[in-house]
């Protein structure tokens, strides 16, 4: 049964990672629906999301290499790096300030489902 749950979670991760939707949110909801929760589920989610991140980096490896290689000579590469830095700073500040509260209150099925509904209504 555990193998079937792992396969379902892997399928959810694989289908949602390259789409502009929350793969983490979908994993939280799917895990809740198939009763795959707890520490084992969290470790599994981290493992499959790490694999998915490596797949994204692999997919964009040439673009990443061009951007990093062009930082010294290409204005577009420098602008991209600056934009990433500008976006990164508020995320770090908010994550450090509110990370524990976010994990304690928002990484559960009901808030995730409500966020999906609210997002769907806004769209």
N, C-alpha and C. Protein backbone atom coordinates (compact mmCIF):
# COMPACT_ATOMS: atom_id res chain seq x y z
N UNK A 1 0.83 -1.20 0.00
CA UNK A 1 0.00 0.00 0.00
C UNK A 1 0.87 1.26 0.00
N UNK A 2 1.98 1.22 0.74
CA UNK A 2 2.87 2.36 0.80
C UNK A 2 3.45 2.68 -0.58
N UNK A 3 3.76 1.66 -1.35
CA UNK A 3 4.29 1.84 -2.70
C UNK A 3 3.26 2.51 -3.60
N UNK A 4 2.01 2.14 -3.47
CA UNK A 4 0.94 2.77 -4.25
C UNK A 4 0.79 4.24 -3.88
N UNK A 5 0.84 4.53 -2.59
CA UNK A 5 0.74 5.93 -2.14
C UNK A 5 1.93 6.75 -2.66
N UNK A 6 3.12 6.15 -2.62
CA UNK A 6 4.31 6.84 -3.12
C UNK A 6 4.18 7.10 -4.62
N UNK A 7 3.65 6.14 -5.35
CA UNK A 7 3.46 6.32 -6.79
C UNK A 7 2.45 7.43 -7.08
N UNK A 8 1.38 7.47 -6.32
CA UNK A 8 0.39 8.53 -6.50
C UNK A 8 0.97 9.90 -6.19
N UNK A 9 1.73 9.98 -5.12
CA UNK A 9 2.36 11.26 -4.76
C UNK A 9 3.38 11.68 -5.82
N UNK A 10 4.12 10.73 -6.35
CA UNK A 10 5.06 11.02 -7.42
C UNK A 10 4.35 11.51 -8.67
N UNK A 11 3.22 10.92 -8.97
CA UNK A 11 2.42 11.34 -10.12
C UNK A 11 1.92 12.78 -9.92
N UNK A 12 1.42 13.07 -8.74
CA UNK A 12 0.96 14.44 -8.45
C UNK A 12 2.11 15.43 -8.60
N UNK A 13 3.26 15.10 -8.05
CA UNK A 13 4.43 15.98 -8.15
C UNK A 13 4.84 16.17 -9.61
N UNK A 14 4.90 15.09 -10.34
CA UNK A 14 5.31 15.17 -11.73
C UNK A 14 4.36 15.98 -12.59
N UNK A 15 3.07 15.85 -12.34
CA UNK A 15 2.08 16.59 -13.13
C UNK A 15 2.01 18.07 -12.77
N UNK A 16 2.34 18.40 -11.53
CA UNK A 16 2.17 19.79 -11.09
C UNK A 16 3.44 20.62 -11.11
N UNK A 17 4.61 20.00 -11.17
CA UNK A 17 5.86 20.76 -11.05
C UNK A 17 6.08 21.72 -12.21
N UNK A 18 5.78 21.31 -13.42
CA UNK A 18 6.04 22.17 -14.57
C UNK A 18 4.86 23.05 -14.95
N UNK A 19 3.80 22.96 -14.19
CA UNK A 19 2.63 23.82 -14.43
C UNK A 19 2.68 25.00 -13.46
N UNK A 20 2.06 26.10 -13.82
CA UNK A 20 2.07 27.27 -12.92
C UNK A 20 1.05 27.13 -11.78
N UNK A 21 1.16 26.02 -11.08
CA UNK A 21 0.30 25.76 -9.92
C UNK A 21 1.18 25.26 -8.79
N UNK A 22 0.65 25.19 -7.60
CA UNK A 22 1.43 24.82 -6.44
C UNK A 22 1.57 23.30 -6.33
N UNK A 23 2.77 22.82 -6.63
CA UNK A 23 2.99 21.38 -6.47
C UNK A 23 2.97 21.00 -4.99
N UNK A 24 3.49 21.87 -4.13
CA UNK A 24 3.48 21.59 -2.69
C UNK A 24 2.05 21.53 -2.17
N UNK A 25 1.23 22.48 -2.58
CA UNK A 25 -0.17 22.47 -2.16
C UNK A 25 -0.90 21.22 -2.61
N UNK A 26 -0.63 20.82 -3.83
CA UNK A 26 -1.27 19.60 -4.33
C UNK A 26 -0.77 18.36 -3.59
N UNK A 27 0.52 18.35 -3.22
CA UNK A 27 1.02 17.22 -2.42
C UNK A 27 0.35 17.18 -1.05
N UNK A 28 0.16 18.34 -0.45
CA UNK A 28 -0.51 18.40 0.86
C UNK A 28 -1.92 17.84 0.75
N UNK A 29 -2.66 18.27 -0.26
CA UNK A 29 -4.04 17.80 -0.42
C UNK A 29 -4.08 16.31 -0.78
N UNK A 30 -3.23 15.90 -1.71
CA UNK A 30 -3.22 14.49 -2.12
C UNK A 30 -2.84 13.60 -0.94
N UNK A 31 -1.82 14.00 -0.18
CA UNK A 31 -1.40 13.22 0.99
C UNK A 31 -2.52 13.08 2.00
N UNK A 32 -3.26 14.15 2.19
CA UNK A 32 -4.38 14.11 3.12
C UNK A 32 -5.48 13.18 2.61
N UNK A 33 -5.75 13.22 1.32
CA UNK A 33 -6.82 12.39 0.74
C UNK A 33 -6.49 10.90 0.81
N UNK A 34 -5.22 10.54 0.65
CA UNK A 34 -4.86 9.11 0.66
C UNK A 34 -4.26 8.69 2.00
N UNK A 35 -4.36 9.56 2.99
CA UNK A 35 -3.87 9.30 4.35
C UNK A 35 -2.36 8.99 4.35
N UNK A 36 -1.62 9.82 3.63
CA UNK A 36 -0.17 9.72 3.60
C UNK A 36 0.36 10.98 4.27
N UNK A 37 0.42 10.93 5.61
CA UNK A 37 0.81 12.10 6.40
C UNK A 37 1.85 11.67 7.42
N UNK A 38 2.33 12.63 8.17
CA UNK A 38 3.31 12.34 9.21
C UNK A 38 4.73 12.57 8.73
N UNK A 39 5.68 12.17 9.56
CA UNK A 39 7.10 12.42 9.28
C UNK A 39 7.58 11.68 8.02
N UNK A 40 7.13 10.45 7.84
CA UNK A 40 7.53 9.69 6.65
C UNK A 40 7.07 10.40 5.39
N UNK A 41 5.85 10.91 5.40
CA UNK A 41 5.32 11.62 4.24
C UNK A 41 6.10 12.91 3.99
N UNK A 42 6.46 13.61 5.05
CA UNK A 42 7.23 14.86 4.89
C UNK A 42 8.59 14.59 4.27
N UNK A 43 9.27 13.56 4.73
CA UNK A 43 10.58 13.20 4.17
C UNK A 43 10.42 12.81 2.70
N UNK A 44 9.38 12.05 2.40
CA UNK A 44 9.13 11.65 1.02
C UNK A 44 8.86 12.86 0.14
N UNK A 45 8.05 13.81 0.62
CA UNK A 45 7.76 15.02 -0.15
C UNK A 45 9.03 15.81 -0.42
N UNK A 46 9.89 15.92 0.57
CA UNK A 46 11.15 16.63 0.38
C UNK A 46 11.99 15.93 -0.68
N UNK A 47 12.04 14.61 -0.62
CA UNK A 47 12.84 13.85 -1.58
C UNK A 47 12.32 14.02 -3.01
N UNK A 48 11.02 13.89 -3.21
CA UNK A 48 10.52 13.99 -4.58
C UNK A 48 10.56 15.44 -5.08
N UNK A 49 10.40 16.41 -4.19
CA UNK A 49 10.50 17.79 -4.64
C UNK A 49 11.95 18.16 -4.96
N UNK A 50 12.90 17.58 -4.25
CA UNK A 50 14.31 17.79 -4.58
C UNK A 50 14.59 17.23 -5.96
N UNK A 51 14.09 16.06 -6.24
CA UNK A 51 14.25 15.48 -7.57
C UNK A 51 13.61 16.34 -8.65
N UNK A 52 12.44 16.89 -8.35
CA UNK A 52 11.76 17.75 -9.32
C UNK A 52 12.55 19.04 -9.55
N UNK A 53 13.15 19.59 -8.49
CA UNK A 53 13.97 20.80 -8.65
C UNK A 53 15.19 20.51 -9.52
N UNK A 54 15.81 19.36 -9.31
CA UNK A 54 16.94 18.97 -10.16
C UNK A 54 16.49 18.83 -11.62
N UNK A 55 15.30 18.30 -11.84
CA UNK A 55 14.79 18.17 -13.20
C UNK A 55 14.59 19.54 -13.85
N UNK A 56 14.08 20.50 -13.09
CA UNK A 56 13.90 21.85 -13.62
C UNK A 56 15.25 22.49 -13.94
N UNK A 57 16.21 22.34 -13.04
CA UNK A 57 17.56 22.87 -13.30
C UNK A 57 18.15 22.21 -14.53
N UNK A 58 17.97 20.91 -14.68
CA UNK A 58 18.48 20.21 -15.85
C UNK A 58 17.81 20.73 -17.12
N UNK A 59 16.51 20.93 -17.07
CA UNK A 59 15.76 21.41 -18.23
C UNK A 59 16.27 22.78 -18.68
N UNK A 60 16.61 23.64 -17.74
CA UNK A 60 17.04 25.00 -18.05
C UNK A 60 18.55 25.19 -17.92
N UNK A 61 19.31 24.11 -17.94
CA UNK A 61 20.75 24.20 -17.71
C UNK A 61 21.47 25.09 -18.71
N UNK A 62 21.12 25.02 -19.98
CA UNK A 62 21.79 25.85 -20.98
C UNK A 62 21.50 27.33 -20.76
N UNK A 63 20.26 27.64 -20.46
CA UNK A 63 19.90 29.03 -20.20
C UNK A 63 20.59 29.54 -18.94
N UNK A 64 20.65 28.71 -17.91
CA UNK A 64 21.33 29.10 -16.68
C UNK A 64 22.81 29.33 -16.93
N UNK A 65 23.44 28.45 -17.71
CA UNK A 65 24.85 28.60 -18.04
C UNK A 65 25.11 29.88 -18.81
N UNK A 66 24.26 30.18 -19.79
CA UNK A 66 24.41 31.42 -20.57
C UNK A 66 24.26 32.65 -19.68
N UNK A 67 23.29 32.60 -18.77
CA UNK A 67 23.05 33.75 -17.89
C UNK A 67 24.22 33.95 -16.95
N UNK A 68 24.65 32.90 -16.29
CA UNK A 68 25.78 33.02 -15.35
C UNK A 68 27.05 33.41 -16.10
N UNK A 69 27.27 32.81 -17.26
CA UNK A 69 28.45 33.14 -18.04
C UNK A 69 28.44 34.56 -18.57
N UNK A 70 27.26 35.13 -18.77
CA UNK A 70 27.16 36.47 -19.32
C UNK A 70 27.06 37.57 -18.28
N UNK A 71 27.17 37.24 -17.01
CA UNK A 71 27.03 38.28 -15.97
C UNK A 71 28.06 39.39 -16.13
N UNK A 72 29.24 39.06 -16.58
CA UNK A 72 30.28 40.08 -16.72
C UNK A 72 30.18 40.90 -17.99
N UNK A 73 29.47 40.39 -19.00
CA UNK A 73 29.49 41.07 -20.30
C UNK A 73 28.12 41.45 -20.85
N UNK A 74 27.08 40.75 -20.47
CA UNK A 74 25.77 40.98 -21.07
C UNK A 74 24.84 41.72 -20.11
N UNK A 75 24.32 42.88 -20.55
CA UNK A 75 23.39 43.64 -19.70
C UNK A 75 22.13 42.85 -19.36
N UNK A 76 21.63 42.05 -20.29
CA UNK A 76 20.41 41.26 -20.02
C UNK A 76 20.64 40.25 -18.90
N UNK A 77 21.82 39.64 -18.87
CA UNK A 77 22.13 38.68 -17.82
C UNK A 77 22.25 39.39 -16.47
N UNK A 78 22.87 40.55 -16.45
CA UNK A 78 22.99 41.31 -15.19
C UNK A 78 21.62 41.76 -14.70
N UNK A 79 20.77 42.19 -15.63
CA UNK A 79 19.43 42.64 -15.24
C UNK A 79 18.63 41.46 -14.67
N UNK A 80 18.74 40.31 -15.31
CA UNK A 80 18.05 39.11 -14.81
C UNK A 80 18.52 38.77 -13.39
N UNK A 81 19.83 38.78 -13.18
CA UNK A 81 20.38 38.47 -11.85
C UNK A 81 19.91 39.49 -10.83
N UNK A 82 19.87 40.76 -11.21
CA UNK A 82 19.40 41.80 -10.29
C UNK A 82 17.92 41.60 -9.96
N UNK A 83 17.12 41.26 -10.96
CA UNK A 83 15.69 41.01 -10.72
C UNK A 83 15.48 39.82 -9.78
N UNK A 84 16.28 38.77 -9.96
CA UNK A 84 16.19 37.61 -9.07
C UNK A 84 16.54 38.02 -7.65
N UNK A 85 17.60 38.81 -7.50
CA UNK A 85 18.01 39.28 -6.18
C UNK A 85 16.93 40.15 -5.54
N UNK A 86 16.34 41.05 -6.31
CA UNK A 86 15.28 41.93 -5.80
C UNK A 86 14.08 41.10 -5.34
N UNK A 87 13.74 40.05 -6.08
CA UNK A 87 12.61 39.19 -5.69
C UNK A 87 12.97 38.31 -4.50
N UNK A 88 14.24 37.95 -4.39
CA UNK A 88 14.70 37.04 -3.35
C UNK A 88 14.72 37.68 -1.97
N UNK A 89 15.11 38.93 -1.90
CA UNK A 89 15.28 39.60 -0.60
C UNK A 89 14.00 39.64 0.22
N UNK A 90 12.86 40.10 -0.32
CA UNK A 90 11.64 40.08 0.50
C UNK A 90 11.22 38.67 0.92
N UNK A 91 11.44 37.70 0.04
CA UNK A 91 11.09 36.32 0.39
C UNK A 91 11.92 35.83 1.57
N UNK A 92 13.21 36.17 1.58
CA UNK A 92 14.07 35.77 2.70
C UNK A 92 13.65 36.46 3.99
N UNK A 93 13.41 37.76 3.91
CA UNK A 93 13.03 38.52 5.11
C UNK A 93 11.72 37.97 5.68
N UNK A 94 10.72 37.80 4.83
CA UNK A 94 9.43 37.28 5.31
C UNK A 94 9.54 35.84 5.79
N UNK A 95 10.34 35.04 5.09
CA UNK A 95 10.53 33.66 5.51
C UNK A 95 11.20 33.55 6.86
N UNK A 96 12.22 34.37 7.08
CA UNK A 96 12.89 34.35 8.39
C UNK A 96 11.98 34.88 9.49
N UNK A 97 11.20 35.89 9.18
CA UNK A 97 10.33 36.50 10.20
C UNK A 97 9.12 35.63 10.53
N UNK A 98 8.54 35.01 9.53
CA UNK A 98 7.26 34.32 9.73
C UNK A 98 7.29 32.83 9.39
N UNK A 99 8.47 32.26 9.14
CA UNK A 99 8.57 30.88 8.70
C UNK A 99 7.90 29.87 9.60
N UNK A 100 8.12 30.00 10.90
CA UNK A 100 7.51 29.03 11.83
C UNK A 100 5.99 29.15 11.85
N UNK A 101 5.48 30.39 11.83
CA UNK A 101 4.03 30.59 11.83
C UNK A 101 3.42 30.08 10.53
N UNK A 102 4.10 30.30 9.42
CA UNK A 102 3.60 29.82 8.14
C UNK A 102 3.51 28.29 8.15
N UNK A 103 4.57 27.63 8.59
CA UNK A 103 4.55 26.17 8.65
C UNK A 103 3.49 25.65 9.61
N UNK A 104 3.32 26.33 10.73
CA UNK A 104 2.37 25.87 11.75
C UNK A 104 0.92 26.01 11.30
N UNK A 105 0.62 27.04 10.50
CA UNK A 105 -0.78 27.33 10.19
C UNK A 105 -1.19 27.09 8.75
N UNK A 106 -0.28 27.18 7.81
CA UNK A 106 -0.69 27.16 6.41
C UNK A 106 -0.38 25.86 5.67
N UNK A 107 0.45 25.00 6.20
CA UNK A 107 0.80 23.76 5.51
C UNK A 107 -0.12 22.62 5.92
N UNK A 108 -1.41 22.88 5.85
CA UNK A 108 -2.43 21.89 6.20
C UNK A 108 -3.49 21.90 5.11
N UNK A 109 -4.26 20.83 4.98
CA UNK A 109 -5.21 20.72 3.86
C UNK A 109 -6.25 21.84 3.78
N UNK A 110 -6.84 22.25 4.89
CA UNK A 110 -7.92 23.26 4.83
C UNK A 110 -7.40 24.60 4.33
N UNK A 111 -6.32 25.17 4.89
CA UNK A 111 -5.84 26.45 4.34
C UNK A 111 -5.40 26.34 2.88
N UNK A 112 -4.81 25.21 2.51
CA UNK A 112 -4.39 25.03 1.11
C UNK A 112 -5.61 25.00 0.21
N UNK A 113 -6.63 24.23 0.58
CA UNK A 113 -7.84 24.15 -0.24
C UNK A 113 -8.52 25.52 -0.34
N UNK A 114 -8.59 26.25 0.76
CA UNK A 114 -9.18 27.59 0.74
C UNK A 114 -8.38 28.53 -0.16
N UNK A 115 -7.07 28.42 -0.12
CA UNK A 115 -6.23 29.25 -0.98
C UNK A 115 -6.46 28.89 -2.45
N UNK A 116 -6.61 27.61 -2.76
CA UNK A 116 -6.89 27.21 -4.14
C UNK A 116 -8.23 27.77 -4.61
N UNK A 117 -9.24 27.69 -3.74
CA UNK A 117 -10.56 28.22 -4.08
C UNK A 117 -10.50 29.72 -4.29
N UNK A 118 -9.84 30.43 -3.37
CA UNK A 118 -9.73 31.89 -3.48
C UNK A 118 -8.97 32.26 -4.77
N UNK A 119 -7.88 31.55 -5.03
CA UNK A 119 -7.12 31.81 -6.24
C UNK A 119 -7.94 31.55 -7.49
N UNK A 120 -8.71 30.47 -7.47
CA UNK A 120 -9.58 30.16 -8.60
C UNK A 120 -10.63 31.23 -8.83
N UNK A 121 -11.19 31.76 -7.75
CA UNK A 121 -12.18 32.83 -7.88
C UNK A 121 -11.55 34.11 -8.43
N UNK A 122 -10.36 34.42 -7.98
CA UNK A 122 -9.67 35.62 -8.46
C UNK A 122 -9.36 35.49 -9.94
N UNK A 123 -8.90 34.33 -10.34
CA UNK A 123 -8.59 34.12 -11.76
C UNK A 123 -9.83 34.14 -12.59
